[in-house]
Amino acid sequence: VTYSVSINVELSAAMLASRSKEDFVMVYVKAAQGRPMPIAIQRVKLKDFSGQIVLTDQDSVMSNNPLSAHDKVLAVVRLSSSGSAMKQKGDVQVTSQVLNVSENPLVNLRVE
């Protein structure tokens, strides 16, 4: 069985106007409980961002810790000028409610 988490990201006009097209949109899932490390992540330049990211085992950070091995996760979208793994000053971040990976959830996150 292939599990995925689909994240639709809506960026407000004000947010787009305040960011550089070279900024990064980082979309990831992390465990709902426990360590804050991303389980699966995609990082896209704002100018190349389509609005939807689908995370699967292919996007897992560590091969021995695939997305499909998790049950409850949080989806996170972060706008970052640095693209750094750690949240930096000036980064804008939005986190979802708890998602159940086995339901192949679709979540909508709005960044304002």
PDB file of N, CA and C in Angstrom:
ATOM      1  N   VAL A   1       0.854  -1.195   0.000  1.00  0.00           N
ATOM      2  CA  VAL A   1       0.000   0.000   0.000  1.00  0.00           C
ATOM      3  C   VAL A   1       0.883   1.236   0.000  1.00  0.00           C
ATOM      4  N   THR A   2       0.549   2.181  -0.847  1.00  0.00           N
ATOM      5  CA  THR A   2       1.289   3.431  -0.890  1.00  0.00           C
ATOM      6  C   THR A   2       0.495   4.486  -0.137  1.00  0.00           C
ATOM      7  N   TYR A   3       1.140   5.098   0.833  1.00  0.00           N
ATOM      8  CA  TYR A   3       0.495   6.173   1.583  1.00  0.00           C
ATOM      9  C   TYR A   3       1.015   7.511   1.101  1.00  0.00           C
ATOM     10  N   SER A   4       0.136   8.506   1.141  1.00  0.00           N
ATOM     11  CA  SER A   4       0.562   9.853   0.786  1.00  0.00           C
ATOM     12  C   SER A   4      -0.186  10.858   1.644  1.00  0.00           C
ATOM     13  N   VAL A   5       0.418  12.019   1.789  1.00  0.00           N
ATOM     14  CA  VAL A   5      -0.234  13.164   2.426  1.00  0.00           C
ATOM     15  C   VAL A   5      -0.190  14.278   1.387  1.00  0.00           C
ATOM     16  N   SER A   6      -1.372  14.747   0.979  1.00  0.00           N
ATOM     17  CA  SER A   6      -1.461  15.827  -0.009  1.00  0.00           C
ATOM     18  C   SER A   6      -1.729  17.133   0.718  1.00  0.00           C
ATOM     19  N   ILE A   7      -0.952  18.145   0.395  1.00  0.00           N
ATOM     20  CA  ILE A   7      -1.080  19.438   1.058  1.00  0.00           C
ATOM     21  C   ILE A   7      -1.308  20.509   0.004  1.00  0.00           C
ATOM     22  N   ASN A   8      -2.470  21.144   0.056  1.00  0.00           N
ATOM     23  CA  ASN A   8      -2.752  22.307  -0.782  1.00  0.00           C
ATOM     24  C   ASN A   8      -2.349  23.533   0.012  1.00  0.00           C
ATOM     25  N   VAL A   9      -1.517  24.378  -0.574  1.00  0.00           N
ATOM     26  CA  VAL A   9      -1.030  25.566   0.112  1.00  0.00           C
ATOM     27  C   VAL A   9      -1.538  26.802  -0.617  1.00  0.00           C
ATOM     28  N   GLU A  10      -2.251  27.631   0.112  1.00  0.00           N
ATOM     29  CA  GLU A  10      -2.727  28.895  -0.437  1.00  0.00           C
ATOM     30  C   GLU A  10      -1.919  30.012   0.205  1.00  0.00           C
ATOM     31  N   LEU A  11      -1.303  30.832  -0.633  1.00  0.00           N
ATOM     32  CA  LEU A  11      -0.497  31.951  -0.150  1.00  0.00           C
ATOM     33  C   LEU A  11      -1.271  33.234  -0.418  1.00  0.00           C
ATOM     34  N   SER A  12      -1.518  34.005   0.616  1.00  0.00           N
ATOM     35  CA  SER A  12      -2.269  35.250   0.437  1.00  0.00           C
ATOM     36  C   SER A  12      -1.493  36.222  -0.450  1.00  0.00           C
ATOM     37  N   ALA A  13      -2.219  37.141  -1.084  1.00  0.00           N
ATOM     38  CA  ALA A  13      -1.582  38.141  -1.947  1.00  0.00           C
ATOM     39  C   ALA A  13      -0.576  38.970  -1.160  1.00  0.00           C
ATOM     40  N   ALA A  14      -0.939  39.325   0.083  1.00  0.00           N
ATOM     41  CA  ALA A  14      -0.036  40.117   0.928  1.00  0.00           C
ATOM     42  C   ALA A  14       1.246  39.336   1.221  1.00  0.00           C
ATOM     43  N   MET A  15       1.107  38.023   1.481  1.00  0.00           N
ATOM     44  CA  MET A  15       2.288  37.195   1.762  1.00  0.00           C
ATOM     45  C   MET A  15       3.170  37.111   0.520  1.00  0.00           C
ATOM     46  N   LEU A  16       2.558  36.880  -0.646  1.00  0.00           N
ATOM     47  CA  LEU A  16       3.340  36.799  -1.883  1.00  0.00           C
ATOM     48  C   LEU A  16       4.066  38.114  -2.156  1.00  0.00           C
ATOM     49  N   ALA A  17       3.384  39.224  -1.902  1.00  0.00           N
ATOM     50  CA  ALA A  17       3.978  40.542  -2.170  1.00  0.00           C
ATOM     51  C   ALA A  17       5.157  40.823  -1.252  1.00  0.00           C
ATOM     52  N   SER A  18       5.153  40.197  -0.059  1.00  0.00           N
ATOM     53  CA  SER A  18       6.196  40.492   0.934  1.00  0.00           C
ATOM     54  C   SER A  18       7.401  39.559   0.822  1.00  0.00           C
ATOM     55  N   ARG A  19       7.332  38.565  -0.065  1.00  0.00           N
ATOM     56  CA  ARG A  19       8.406  37.573  -0.161  1.00  0.00           C
ATOM     57  C   ARG A  19       9.126  37.671  -1.494  1.00  0.00           C
ATOM     58  N   SER A  20      10.357  37.204  -1.526  1.00  0.00           N
ATOM     59  CA  SER A  20      11.129  37.119  -2.769  1.00  0.00           C
ATOM     60  C   SER A  20      10.722  35.855  -3.526  1.00  0.00           C
ATOM     61  N   LYS A  21      10.738  35.919  -4.855  1.00  0.00           N
ATOM     62  CA  LYS A  21      10.448  34.733  -5.667  1.00  0.00           C
ATOM     63  C   LYS A  21      11.522  33.665  -5.483  1.00  0.00           C
ATOM     64  N   GLU A  22      12.658  34.061  -4.887  1.00  0.00           N
ATOM     65  CA  GLU A  22      13.739  33.108  -4.616  1.00  0.00           C
ATOM     66  C   GLU A  22      13.597  32.449  -3.237  1.00  0.00           C
ATOM     67  N   ASP A  23      12.624  32.887  -2.446  1.00  0.00           N
ATOM     68  CA  ASP A  23      12.372  32.242  -1.148  1.00  0.00           C
ATOM     69  C   ASP A  23      11.972  30.787  -1.385  1.00  0.00           C
ATOM     70  N   PHE A  24      12.081  29.999  -0.346  1.00  0.00           N
ATOM     71  CA  PHE A  24      11.713  28.591  -0.416  1.00  0.00           C
ATOM     72  C   PHE A  24      10.366  28.344   0.232  1.00  0.00           C
ATOM     73  N   VAL A  25       9.587  27.459  -0.375  1.00  0.00           N
ATOM     74  CA  VAL A  25       8.391  26.911   0.250  1.00  0.00           C
ATOM     75  C   VAL A  25       8.785  25.507   0.676  1.00  0.00           C
ATOM     76  N   MET A  26       8.767  25.280   1.982  1.00  0.00           N
ATOM     77  CA  MET A  26       9.116  23.959   2.493  1.00  0.00           C
ATOM     78  C   MET A  26       7.849  23.348   3.081  1.00  0.00           C
ATOM     79  N   VAL A  27       7.504  22.165   2.581  1.00  0.00           N
ATOM     80  CA  VAL A  27       6.315  21.469   3.044  1.00  0.00           C
ATOM     81  C   VAL A  27       6.780  20.122   3.573  1.00  0.00           C
ATOM     82  N   TYR A  28       6.400  19.833   4.823  1.00  0.00           N
ATOM     83  CA  TYR A  28       6.838  18.568   5.403  1.00  0.00           C
ATOM     84  C   TYR A  28       5.819  18.044   6.389  1.00  0.00           C
ATOM     85  N   VAL A  29       5.965  16.787   6.740  1.00  0.00           N
ATOM     86  CA  VAL A  29       5.185  16.203   7.812  1.00  0.00           C
ATOM     87  C   VAL A  29       6.145  15.769   8.904  1.00  0.00           C
ATOM     88  N   LYS A  30       5.655  15.906  10.124  1.00  0.00           N
ATOM     89  CA  LYS A  30       6.422  15.470  11.299  1.00  0.00           C
ATOM     90  C   LYS A  30       5.476  14.693  12.199  1.00  0.00           C
ATOM     91  N   ALA A  31       6.045  13.898  13.089  1.00  0.00           N
ATOM     92  CA  ALA A  31       5.233  13.108  14.008  1.00  0.00           C
ATOM     93  C   ALA A  31       4.388  14.036  14.872  1.00  0.00           C
ATOM     94  N   ALA A  32       3.134  13.635  15.108  1.00  0.00           N
ATOM     95  CA  ALA A  32       2.235  14.439  15.936  1.00  0.00           C
ATOM     96  C   ALA A  32       2.744  14.480  17.383  1.00  0.00           C
ATOM     97  N   GLN A  33       3.406  13.412  17.814  1.00  0.00           N
ATOM     98  CA  GLN A  33       3.991  13.332  19.154  1.00  0.00           C
ATOM     99  C   GLN A  33       5.471  13.025  19.002  1.00  0.00           C
ATOM    100  N   GLY A  34       6.284  13.608  19.886  1.00  0.00           N
ATOM    101  CA  GLY A  34       7.698  13.233  19.865  1.00  0.00           C
ATOM    102  C   GLY A  34       8.554  14.239  19.126  1.00  0.00           C
ATOM    103  N   ARG A  35       9.565  13.734  18.458  1.00  0.00           N
ATOM    104  CA  ARG A  35      10.608  14.587  17.881  1.00  0.00           C
ATOM    105  C   ARG A  35      10.074  15.467  16.763  1.00  0.00           C
ATOM    106  N   PRO A  36      10.552  16.711  16.691  1.00  0.00           N
ATOM    107  CA  PRO A  36      10.050  17.642  15.679  1.00  0.00           C
ATOM    108  C   PRO A  36      10.692  17.492  14.305  1.00  0.00           C
ATOM    109  N   MET A  37      11.564  16.499  14.146  1.00  0.00           N
ATOM    110  CA  MET A  37      12.240  16.318  12.858  1.00  0.00           C
ATOM    111  C   MET A  37      11.252  15.963  11.758  1.00  0.00           C
ATOM    112  N   PRO A  38      11.454  16.515  10.552  1.00  0.00           N
ATOM    113  CA  PRO A  38      10.596  16.121   9.432  1.00  0.00           C
ATOM    114  C   PRO A  38      10.734  14.628   9.117  1.00  0.00           C
ATOM    115  N   ILE A  39       9.610  14.006   8.792  1.00  0.00           N
ATOM    116  CA  ILE A  39       9.607  12.613   8.340  1.00  0.00           C
ATOM    117  C   ILE A  39       9.786  12.583   6.823  1.00  0.00           C
ATOM    118  N   ALA A  40       9.025  13.450   6.146  1.00  0.00           N
ATOM    119  CA  ALA A  40       9.109  13.563   4.680  1.00  0.00           C
ATOM    120  C   ALA A  40       9.005  15.043   4.337  1.00  0.00           C
ATOM    121  N   ILE A  41       9.754  15.482   3.322  1.00  0.00           N
ATOM    122  CA  ILE A  41       9.808  16.920   3.022  1.00  0.00           C
ATOM    123  C   ILE A  41      10.009  17.158   1.528  1.00  0.00           C
ATOM    124  N   GLN A  42       9.456  18.249   1.055  1.00  0.00           N
ATOM    125  CA  GLN A  42       9.795  18.789  -0.260  1.00  0.00           C
ATOM    126  C   GLN A  42      10.092  20.272  -0.080  1.00  0.00           C
ATOM    127  N   ARG A  43      11.087  20.736  -0.821  1.00  0.00           N
ATOM    128  CA  ARG A  43      11.489  22.147  -0.769  1.00  0.00           C
ATOM    129  C   ARG A  43      11.492  22.683  -2.190  1.00  0.00           C
ATOM    130  N   VAL A  44      10.720  23.746  -2.412  1.00  0.00           N
ATOM    131  CA  VAL A  44      10.535  24.294  -3.760  1.00  0.00           C
ATOM    132  C   VAL A  44      10.723  25.807  -3.686  1.00  0.00           C
ATOM    133  N   LYS A  45      11.374  26.377  -4.717  1.00  0.00           N
ATOM    134  CA  LYS A  45      11.463  27.842  -4.773  1.00  0.00           C
ATOM    135  C   LYS A  45      10.064  28.404  -5.015  1.00  0.00           C
ATOM    136  N   LEU A  46       9.784  29.535  -4.399  1.00  0.00           N
ATOM    137  CA  LEU A  46       8.467  30.161  -4.512  1.00  0.00           C
ATOM    138  C   LEU A  46       8.072  30.346  -5.979  1.00  0.00           C
ATOM    139  N   LYS A  47       9.029  30.746  -6.821  1.00  0.00           N
ATOM    140  CA  LYS A  47       8.719  30.993  -8.243  1.00  0.00           C
ATOM    141  C   LYS A  47       8.320  29.708  -8.972  1.00  0.00           C
ATOM    142  N   ASP A  48       8.689  28.540  -8.434  1.00  0.00           N
ATOM    143  CA  ASP A  48       8.390  27.248  -9.072  1.00  0.00           C
ATOM    144  C   ASP A  48       7.247  26.504  -8.388  1.00  0.00           C
ATOM    145  N   PHE A  49       6.657  27.106  -7.371  1.00  0.00           N
ATOM    146  CA  PHE A  49       5.667  26.411  -6.540  1.00  0.00           C
ATOM    147  C   PHE A  49       4.296  26.402  -7.202  1.00  0.00           C
ATOM    148  N   SER A  50       3.705  25.215  -7.298  1.00  0.00           N
ATOM    149  CA  SER A  50       2.428  25.048  -8.004  1.00  0.00           C
ATOM    150  C   SER A  50       1.219  25.188  -7.087  1.00  0.00           C
ATOM    151  N   GLY A  51       1.429  25.079  -5.764  1.00  0.00           N
ATOM    152  CA  GLY A  51       0.300  25.186  -4.836  1.00  0.00           C
ATOM    153  C   GLY A  51      -0.060  23.882  -4.168  1.00  0.00           C
ATOM    154  N   GLN A  52       0.382  22.750  -4.739  1.00  0.00           N
ATOM    155  CA  GLN A  52       0.114  21.474  -4.077  1.00  0.00           C
ATOM    156  C   GLN A  52       1.383  20.646  -3.997  1.00  0.00           C
ATOM    157  N   ILE A  53       1.558  20.000  -2.866  1.00  0.00           N
ATOM    158  CA  ILE A  53       2.665  19.077  -2.639  1.00  0.00           C
ATOM    159  C   ILE A  53       2.057  17.755  -2.183  1.00  0.00           C
ATOM    160  N   VAL A  54       2.540  16.665  -2.749  1.00  0.00           N
ATOM    161  CA  VAL A  54       2.130  15.336  -2.299  1.00  0.00           C
ATOM    162  C   VAL A  54       3.378  14.643  -1.750  1.00  0.00           C
ATOM    163  N   LEU A  55       3.334  14.328  -0.470  1.00  0.00           N
ATOM    164  CA  LEU A  55       4.461  13.660   0.185  1.00  0.00           C
ATOM    165  C   LEU A  55       4.188  12.164   0.264  1.00  0.00           C
ATOM    166  N   THR A  56       5.199  11.367  -0.102  1.00  0.00           N
ATOM    167  CA  THR A  56       5.113   9.901  -0.032  1.00  0.00           C
ATOM    168  C   THR A  56       6.406   9.377   0.592  1.00  0.00           C
ATOM    169  N   ASP A  57       6.529   8.060   0.640  1.00  0.00           N
ATOM    170  CA  ASP A  57       7.773   7.463   1.145  1.00  0.00           C
ATOM    171  C   ASP A  57       8.990   7.953   0.354  1.00  0.00           C
ATOM    172  N   GLN A  58       8.785   8.316  -0.923  1.00  0.00           N
ATOM    173  CA  GLN A  58       9.893   8.813  -1.755  1.00  0.00           C
ATOM    174  C   GLN A  58      10.505  10.098  -1.184  1.00  0.00           C
ATOM    175  N   ASP A  59       9.709  10.833  -0.398  1.00  0.00           N
ATOM    176  CA  ASP A  59      10.171  12.107   0.163  1.00  0.00           C
ATOM    177  C   ASP A  59      10.694  11.955   1.586  1.00  0.00           C
ATOM    178  N   SER A  60      10.744  10.725   2.083  1.00  0.00           N
ATOM    179  CA  SER A  60      11.201  10.492   3.459  1.00  0.00           C
ATOM    180  C   SER A  60      12.633  10.958   3.624  1.00  0.00           C
ATOM    181  N   VAL A  61      12.913  11.581   4.760  1.00  0.00           N
ATOM    182  CA  VAL A  61      14.245  12.103   5.048  1.00  0.00           C
ATOM    183  C   VAL A  61      15.226  10.950   5.265  1.00  0.00           C
ATOM    184  N   MET A  62      14.773   9.914   5.973  1.00  0.00           N
ATOM    185  CA  MET A  62      15.631   8.758   6.243  1.00  0.00           C
ATOM    186  C   MET A  62      14.935   7.499   5.748  1.00  0.00           C
ATOM    187  N   SER A  63      15.646   6.673   5.005  1.00  0.00           N
ATOM    188  CA  SER A  63      15.038   5.480   4.404  1.00  0.00           C
ATOM    189  C   SER A  63      14.536   4.495   5.457  1.00  0.00           C
ATOM    190  N   ASN A  64      15.139   4.518   6.647  1.00  0.00           N
ATOM    191  CA  ASN A  64      14.696   3.600   7.698  1.00  0.00           C
ATOM    192  C   ASN A  64      13.543   4.180   8.526  1.00  0.00           C
ATOM    193  N   ASN A  65      13.023   5.333   8.111  1.00  0.00           N
ATOM    194  CA  ASN A  65      11.914   5.978   8.822  1.00  0.00           C
ATOM    195  C   ASN A  65      10.927   6.535   7.790  1.00  0.00           C
ATOM    196  N   PRO A  66      10.303   5.644   6.991  1.00  0.00           N
ATOM    197  CA  PRO A  66       9.437   6.133   5.913  1.00  0.00           C
ATOM    198  C   PRO A  66       8.129   6.708   6.443  1.00  0.00           C
ATOM    199  N   LEU A  67       7.531   7.537   5.628  1.00  0.00           N
ATOM    200  CA  LEU A  67       6.229   8.119   5.967  1.00  0.00           C
ATOM    201  C   LEU A  67       5.218   7.042   6.332  1.00  0.00           C
ATOM    202  N   SER A  68       5.227   5.938   5.577  1.00  0.00           N
ATOM    203  CA  SER A  68       4.237   4.872   5.779  1.00  0.00           C
ATOM    204  C   SER A  68       4.362   4.184   7.138  1.00  0.00           C
ATOM    205  N   ALA A  69       5.477   4.385   7.828  1.00  0.00           N
ATOM    206  CA  ALA A  69       5.668   3.777   9.148  1.00  0.00           C
ATOM    207  C   ALA A  69       4.994   4.601  10.240  1.00  0.00           C
ATOM    208  N   HIS A  70       4.428   5.741   9.875  1.00  0.00           N
ATOM    209  CA  HIS A  70       3.828   6.636  10.862  1.00  0.00           C
ATOM    210  C   HIS A  70       2.317   6.614  10.773  1.00  0.00           C
ATOM    211  N   ASP A  71       1.697   6.939  11.887  1.00  0.00           N
ATOM    212  CA  ASP A  71       0.242   6.940  11.971  1.00  0.00           C
ATOM    213  C   ASP A  71      -0.256   8.375  11.986  1.00  0.00           C
ATOM    214  N   LYS A  72       0.000   9.056  13.084  1.00  0.00           N
ATOM    215  CA  LYS A  72      -0.484  10.423  13.251  1.00  0.00           C
ATOM    216  C   LYS A  72       0.655  11.417  12.981  1.00  0.00           C
ATOM    217  N   VAL A  73       0.379  12.357  12.084  1.00  0.00           N
ATOM    218  CA  VAL A  73       1.387  13.353  11.712  1.00  0.00           C
ATOM    219  C   VAL A  73       0.764  14.744  11.657  1.00  0.00           C
ATOM    220  N   LEU A  74       1.630  15.741  11.612  1.00  0.00           N
ATOM    221  CA  LEU A  74       1.244  17.124  11.374  1.00  0.00           C
ATOM    222  C   LEU A  74       1.887  17.557  10.068  1.00  0.00           C
ATOM    223  N   ALA A  75       1.125  18.264   9.243  1.00  0.00           N
ATOM    224  CA  ALA A  75       1.695  18.844   8.023  1.00  0.00           C
ATOM    225  C   ALA A  75       2.099  20.276   8.342  1.00  0.00           C
ATOM    226  N   VAL A  76       3.252  20.682   7.825  1.00  0.00           N
ATOM    227  CA  VAL A  76       3.784  22.019   8.088  1.00  0.00           C
ATOM    228  C   VAL A  76       4.184  22.649   6.762  1.00  0.00           C
ATOM    229  N   VAL A  77       3.817  23.917   6.584  1.00  0.00           N
ATOM    230  CA  VAL A  77       4.338  24.684   5.449  1.00  0.00           C
ATOM    231  C   VAL A  77       5.109  25.859   6.035  1.00  0.00           C
ATOM    232  N   ARG A  78       6.301  26.089   5.482  1.00  0.00           N
ATOM    233  CA  ARG A  78       7.131  27.189   5.962  1.00  0.00           C
ATOM    234  C   ARG A  78       7.664  27.961   4.762  1.00  0.00           C
ATOM    235  N   LEU A  79       7.518  29.274   4.815  1.00  0.00           N
ATOM    236  CA  LEU A  79       8.153  30.149   3.839  1.00  0.00           C
ATOM    237  C   LEU A  79       9.457  30.612   4.454  1.00  0.00           C
ATOM    238  N   SER A  80      10.540  30.440   3.714  1.00  0.00           N
ATOM    239  CA  SER A  80      11.865  30.705   4.269  1.00  0.00           C
ATOM    240  C   SER A  80      12.757  31.326   3.210  1.00  0.00           C
ATOM    241  N   SER A  81      13.453  32.404   3.576  1.00  0.00           N
ATOM    242  CA  SER A  81      14.404  32.981   2.628  1.00  0.00           C
ATOM    243  C   SER A  81      15.689  32.164   2.574  1.00  0.00           C
ATOM    244  N   SER A  82      16.004  31.437   3.656  1.00  0.00           N
ATOM    245  CA  SER A  82      17.261  30.683   3.712  1.00  0.00           C
ATOM    246  C   SER A  82      17.122  29.261   3.177  1.00  0.00           C
ATOM    247  N   GLY A  83      15.934  28.679   3.333  1.00  0.00           N
ATOM    248  CA  GLY A  83      15.780  27.275   2.964  1.00  0.00           C
ATOM    249  C   GLY A  83      16.403  26.336   3.982  1.00  0.00           C
ATOM    250  N   SER A  84      16.783  26.880   5.127  1.00  0.00           N
ATOM    251  CA  SER A  84      17.434  26.095   6.177  1.00  0.00           C
ATOM    252  C   SER A  84      16.441  25.145   6.846  1.00  0.00           C
ATOM    253  N   ALA A  85      16.940  24.013   7.325  1.00  0.00           N
ATOM    254  CA  ALA A  85      16.099  23.030   8.007  1.00  0.00           C
ATOM    255  C   ALA A  85      15.532  23.601   9.311  1.00  0.00           C
ATOM    256  N   MET A  86      16.302  24.435   9.972  1.00  0.00           N
ATOM    257  CA  MET A  86      15.840  25.030  11.228  1.00  0.00           C
ATOM    258  C   MET A  86      15.107  26.335  10.931  1.00  0.00           C
ATOM    259  N   LYS A  87      14.035  26.575  11.679  1.00  0.00           N
ATOM    260  CA  LYS A  87      13.266  27.806  11.475  1.00  0.00           C
ATOM    261  C   LYS A  87      14.145  29.013  11.799  1.00  0.00           C
ATOM    262  N   GLN A  88      14.134  29.990  10.890  1.00  0.00           N
ATOM    263  CA  GLN A  88      14.951  31.189  11.043  1.00  0.00           C
ATOM    264  C   GLN A  88      14.060  32.398  11.305  1.00  0.00           C
ATOM    265  N   LYS A  89      14.677  33.475  11.792  1.00  0.00           N
ATOM    266  CA  LYS A  89      13.953  34.727  11.977  1.00  0.00           C
ATOM    267  C   LYS A  89      13.384  35.173  10.631  1.00  0.00           C
ATOM    268  N   GLY A  90      12.119  35.565  10.622  1.00  0.00           N
ATOM    269  CA  GLY A  90      11.488  36.014   9.383  1.00  0.00           C
ATOM    270  C   GLY A  90      10.757  34.908   8.636  1.00  0.00           C
ATOM    271  N   ASP A  91      10.976  33.658   9.041  1.00  0.00           N
ATOM    272  CA  ASP A  91      10.239  32.560   8.414  1.00  0.00           C
ATOM    273  C   ASP A  91       8.778  32.602   8.873  1.00  0.00           C
ATOM    274  N   VAL A  92       7.884  32.211   7.997  1.00  0.00           N
ATOM    275  CA  VAL A  92       6.463  32.144   8.316  1.00  0.00           C
ATOM    276  C   VAL A  92       6.057  30.684   8.215  1.00  0.00           C
ATOM    277  N   GLN A  93       5.397  30.184   9.269  1.00  0.00           N
ATOM    278  CA  GLN A  93       5.096  28.756   9.330  1.00  0.00           C
ATOM    279  C   GLN A  93       3.648  28.540   9.747  1.00  0.00           C
ATOM    280  N   VAL A  94       2.997  27.567   9.102  1.00  0.00           N
ATOM    281  CA  VAL A  94       1.626  27.180   9.431  1.00  0.00           C
ATOM    282  C   VAL A  94       1.610  25.670   9.610  1.00  0.00           C
ATOM    283  N   THR A  95       0.923  25.196  10.655  1.00  0.00           N
ATOM    284  CA  THR A  95       0.856  23.766  10.966  1.00  0.00           C
ATOM    285  C   THR A  95      -0.593  23.303  10.941  1.00  0.00           C
ATOM    286  N   SER A  96      -0.799  22.105  10.425  1.00  0.00           N
ATOM    287  CA  SER A  96      -2.144  21.527  10.325  1.00  0.00           C
ATOM    288  C   SER A  96      -2.587  20.924  11.650  1.00  0.00           C
ATOM    289  N   GLN A  97      -3.818  20.457  11.653  1.00  0.00           N
ATOM    290  CA  GLN A  97      -4.314  19.584  12.719  1.00  0.00           C
ATOM    291  C   GLN A  97      -3.646  18.216  12.534  1.00  0.00           C
ATOM    292  N   VAL A  98      -3.861  17.316  13.483  1.00  0.00           N
ATOM    293  CA  VAL A  98      -3.305  15.966  13.383  1.00  0.00           C
ATOM    294  C   VAL A  98      -3.970  15.233  12.212  1.00  0.00           C
ATOM    295  N   LEU A  99      -3.134  14.593  11.400  1.00  0.00           N
ATOM    296  CA  LEU A  99      -3.598  13.834  10.238  1.00  0.00           C
ATOM    297  C   LEU A  99      -3.279  12.357  10.440  1.00  0.00           C
ATOM    298  N   ASN A 100      -4.125  11.493   9.901  1.00  0.00           N
ATOM    299  CA  ASN A 100      -3.892  10.060   9.958  1.00  0.00           C
ATOM    300  C   ASN A 100      -3.352   9.616   8.601  1.00  0.00           C
ATOM    301  N   VAL A 101      -2.089   9.207   8.553  1.00  0.00           N
ATOM    302  CA  VAL A 101      -1.416   8.863   7.299  1.00  0.00           C
ATOM    303  C   VAL A 101      -2.182   7.794   6.523  1.00  0.00           C
ATOM    304  N   SER A 102      -2.740   6.804   7.220  1.00  0.00           N
ATOM    305  CA  SER A 102      -3.396   5.681   6.540  1.00  0.00           C
ATOM    306  C   SER A 102      -4.660   6.104   5.789  1.00  0.00           C
ATOM    307  N   GLU A 103      -5.151   7.301   6.065  1.00  0.00           N
ATOM    308  CA  GLU A 103      -6.328   7.816   5.355  1.00  0.00           C
ATOM    309  C   GLU A 103      -5.935   8.581   4.089  1.00  0.00           C
ATOM    310  N   ASN A 104      -4.631   8.620   3.772  1.00  0.00           N
ATOM    311  CA  ASN A 104      -4.141   9.400   2.623  1.00  0.00           C
ATOM    312  C   ASN A 104      -4.777  10.793   2.607  1.00  0.00           C
ATOM    313  N   PRO A 105      -4.552  11.556   3.671  1.00  0.00           N
ATOM    314  CA  PRO A 105      -5.289  12.804   3.852  1.00  0.00           C
ATOM    315  C   PRO A 105      -4.929  13.883   2.841  1.00  0.00           C
ATOM    316  N   LEU A 106      -5.881  14.760   2.632  1.00  0.00           N
ATOM    317  CA  LEU A 106      -5.685  15.998   1.864  1.00  0.00           C
ATOM    318  C   LEU A 106      -5.964  17.131   2.837  1.00  0.00           C
ATOM    319  N   VAL A 107      -5.001  18.043   2.963  1.00  0.00           N
ATOM    320  CA  VAL A 107      -5.152  19.153   3.909  1.00  0.00           C
ATOM    321  C   VAL A 107      -4.916  20.456   3.168  1.00  0.00           C
ATOM    322  N   ASN A 108      -5.675  21.476   3.560  1.00  0.00           N
ATOM    323  CA  ASN A 108      -5.521  22.812   2.995  1.00  0.00           C
ATOM    324  C   ASN A 108      -4.906  23.716   4.059  1.00  0.00           C
ATOM    325  N   LEU A 109      -3.796  24.355   3.719  1.00  0.00           N
ATOM    326  CA  LEU A 109      -3.136  25.290   4.653  1.00  0.00           C
ATOM    327  C   LEU A 109      -3.046  26.648   3.973  1.00  0.00           C
ATOM    328  N   ARG A 110      -3.411  27.694   4.691  1.00  0.00           N
ATOM    329  CA  ARG A 110      -3.343  29.049   4.160  1.00  0.00           C
ATOM    330  C   ARG A 110      -2.282  29.847   4.914  1.00  0.00           C
ATOM    331  N   VAL A 111      -1.394  30.487   4.163  1.00  0.00           N
ATOM    332  CA  VAL A 111      -0.336  31.297   4.756  1.00  0.00           C
ATOM    333  C   VAL A 111      -0.680  32.756   4.479  1.00  0.00           C
ATOM    334  N   GLU A 112      -0.877  33.528   5.569  1.00  0.00           N
ATOM    335  CA  GLU A 112      -1.281  34.936   5.415  1.00  0.00           C
ATOM    336  C   GLU A 112      -0.203  35.864   5.934  1.00  0.00           C
TER     337      GLU A 112
END
